[in-house]
Amino acid sequence: MKAILIVLAACLTLSGCATIESAARNQFAFVNYEKTNYQAKPEGCPIDLFFGDKMPTRDYVVIGEINGFIIHEKNITPIIEEKTRQVGGDGVIQIRTTMRMRSGGTVAIPVGNLYVLDEQEQMETAISGKVIKYTDTEQRN
């Protein structure tokens, strides 16, 4: 019984670490290239996304870069748009994604009177891109 409690305590500790790591990996860092901080855009404001080598036809300036990791998300577009709105950007160019499987931690699975430790895997997507603001006269929110 004491062994089961020790294994259970260890699993709870490990799962707590995995939860903190997962939460941190669903966030993005913004590296500001300018000294100006732009006002955040309202929710629902359109954001232009350019994956790979596609580029906007309008004039723009690069104001910074976003980098981050997300786990368990199939549609990354809303996450990129949200971060871009937060920093006041109009769009993101040169968006690059890399997917990989990574260890997600260890869990204890009850099997009869025993607990078996099982390594869990998670799909992780690394995302990077350059945040832009348009400089031409067409108005954006």
Protein backbone atom coordinates (compact mmCIF):
# COMPACT_ATOMS: atom_id res chain seq x y z
CA MET A 1 0.00 0.00 0.00
CA LYS A 2 2.84 2.37 0.88
CA ALA A 3 4.46 1.69 -2.54
CA ILE A 4 1.22 2.57 -4.33
CA LEU A 5 1.00 5.86 -2.42
CA ILE A 6 4.60 6.72 -3.31
CA VAL A 7 3.98 5.97 -7.01
CA LEU A 8 0.75 7.97 -6.91
CA ALA A 9 2.48 10.93 -5.25
CA ALA A 10 5.26 10.81 -7.84
CA CYS A 11 2.73 10.72 -10.68
CA LEU A 12 0.82 13.68 -9.29
CA THR A 13 4.05 15.62 -9.03
CA LEU A 14 5.03 14.73 -12.59
CA SER A 15 1.60 15.52 -13.98
CA GLY A 16 1.69 18.89 -12.21
CA CYS A 17 4.96 19.69 -13.97
CA ALA A 18 3.55 18.59 -17.30
CA THR A 19 0.52 20.85 -16.81
CA ILE A 20 2.71 23.88 -16.08
CA GLU A 21 4.92 23.08 -19.07
CA SER A 22 1.90 22.64 -21.35
CA ALA A 23 0.44 25.97 -20.28
CA ALA A 24 3.76 27.70 -20.91
CA ARG A 25 4.11 26.09 -24.33
CA ASN A 26 0.77 27.49 -25.48
CA GLN A 27 2.12 31.02 -25.22
CA PHE A 28 4.05 33.21 -27.61
CA ALA A 29 6.87 35.65 -27.09
CA PHE A 30 6.92 38.92 -29.01
CA VAL A 31 10.28 40.49 -29.80
CA ASN A 32 9.69 44.19 -30.52
CA TYR A 33 12.03 45.57 -33.21
CA GLU A 34 10.93 49.14 -32.51
CA LYS A 35 10.82 51.37 -29.46
CA THR A 36 7.13 52.03 -30.11
CA ASN A 37 4.43 49.95 -28.42
CA TYR A 38 1.32 49.87 -30.56
CA GLN A 39 -2.23 49.83 -29.24
CA ALA A 40 -3.85 46.39 -29.25
CA LYS A 41 -6.41 45.74 -31.96
CA PRO A 42 -9.99 44.85 -30.99
CA GLU A 43 -11.11 41.23 -31.07
CA GLY A 44 -12.38 40.28 -34.51
CA CYS A 45 -10.18 42.81 -36.29
CA PRO A 46 -8.90 41.12 -39.48
CA ILE A 47 -5.27 39.99 -39.45
CA ASP A 48 -3.47 39.08 -42.68
CA LEU A 49 -1.39 35.90 -42.48
CA PHE A 50 1.27 34.98 -45.04
CA PHE A 51 2.67 31.48 -44.73
CA GLY A 52 6.01 30.51 -46.24
CA ASP A 53 7.23 32.83 -48.99
CA LYS A 54 3.92 34.60 -49.72
CA MET A 55 4.12 38.35 -49.14
CA PRO A 56 1.59 41.21 -48.96
CA THR A 57 1.08 43.49 -51.93
CA ARG A 58 0.73 46.54 -49.69
CA ASP A 59 3.59 48.57 -48.20
CA TYR A 60 4.51 47.56 -44.66
CA VAL A 61 7.12 47.75 -41.95
CA VAL A 62 8.19 44.83 -39.75
CA ILE A 63 7.59 45.77 -36.10
CA GLY A 64 8.69 42.54 -34.44
CA GLU A 65 8.67 38.78 -34.36
CA ILE A 66 6.50 36.17 -32.67
CA ASN A 67 7.82 32.79 -31.57
CA GLY A 68 6.18 30.05 -29.59
CA PHE A 69 5.04 26.49 -29.18
CA ILE A 70 1.54 25.12 -29.01
CA ILE A 71 0.32 21.68 -28.04
CA HIS A 72 -2.87 19.89 -29.15
CA GLU A 73 -4.07 22.60 -31.52
CA LYS A 74 -5.08 21.66 -35.05
CA ASN A 75 -5.95 25.19 -36.17
CA ILE A 76 -3.09 27.56 -35.37
CA THR A 77 -4.56 30.54 -37.23
CA PRO A 78 -6.65 31.94 -34.31
CA ILE A 79 -3.64 31.72 -31.98
CA ILE A 80 -1.40 33.68 -34.35
CA GLU A 81 -4.14 36.25 -35.01
CA GLU A 82 -4.77 36.76 -31.28
CA LYS A 83 -1.10 37.42 -30.50
CA THR A 84 -0.80 39.77 -33.49
CA ARG A 85 -3.84 41.76 -32.32
CA GLN A 86 -2.37 41.98 -28.81
CA VAL A 87 0.78 43.70 -30.12
CA GLY A 88 -1.08 45.97 -32.57
CA GLY A 89 0.04 44.32 -35.80
CA ASP A 90 -1.86 44.21 -39.08
CA GLY A 91 -0.44 40.88 -40.22
CA VAL A 92 2.31 38.28 -40.01
CA ILE A 93 4.71 37.36 -42.80
CA GLN A 94 7.16 34.48 -43.21
CA ILE A 95 5.12 32.23 -40.94
CA ARG A 96 6.98 28.98 -40.40
CA THR A 97 5.69 25.91 -38.58
CA THR A 98 7.44 22.75 -37.47
CA MET A 99 5.56 19.81 -35.96
CA ARG A 100 7.05 17.07 -33.81
CA MET A 101 6.08 14.49 -31.23
CA ARG A 102 7.43 15.12 -27.77
CA SER A 103 7.21 13.43 -24.43
CA GLY A 104 4.24 14.75 -22.52
CA GLY A 105 5.10 13.22 -19.15
CA THR A 106 4.41 10.03 -17.30
CA VAL A 107 1.06 8.85 -15.98
CA ALA A 108 0.13 5.96 -13.71
CA ILE A 109 -2.45 3.59 -15.14
CA PRO A 110 -4.20 1.25 -12.70
CA VAL A 111 -3.91 -2.44 -13.67
CA GLY A 112 -5.50 -4.59 -11.01
CA ASN A 113 -3.70 -3.87 -7.73
CA LEU A 114 -0.71 -2.31 -9.52
CA TYR A 115 -0.04 0.96 -11.25
CA VAL A 116 1.87 0.91 -14.51
CA LEU A 117 3.79 4.02 -15.55
CA ASP A 118 3.13 5.04 -19.15
CA GLU A 119 4.99 7.66 -21.16
CA GLN A 120 2.57 10.03 -22.92
CA GLU A 121 3.38 11.78 -26.19
CA GLN A 122 2.03 15.11 -27.41
CA MET A 123 2.04 16.82 -30.79
CA GLU A 124 3.94 20.09 -30.52
CA THR A 125 3.98 22.82 -33.16
CA ALA A 126 6.69 25.47 -33.20
CA ILE A 127 5.58 28.71 -34.86
CA SER A 128 7.50 31.82 -35.86
CA GLY A 129 6.76 34.84 -38.01
CA LYS A 130 7.40 38.54 -38.47
CA VAL A 131 4.65 40.94 -37.34
CA ILE A 132 3.93 43.82 -39.73
CA LYS A 133 2.07 47.13 -39.78
CA TYR A 134 0.87 48.53 -43.08
CA THR A 135 2.26 51.93 -44.03
CA ASP A 136 0.01 52.74 -47.00
CA THR A 137 -3.13 54.84 -46.77
CA GLU A 138 -5.72 52.03 -46.69
CA GLN A 139 -7.27 52.17 -43.23
CA ARG A 140 -7.20 49.24 -40.82
CA ASN A 141 -8.89 48.97 -37.41
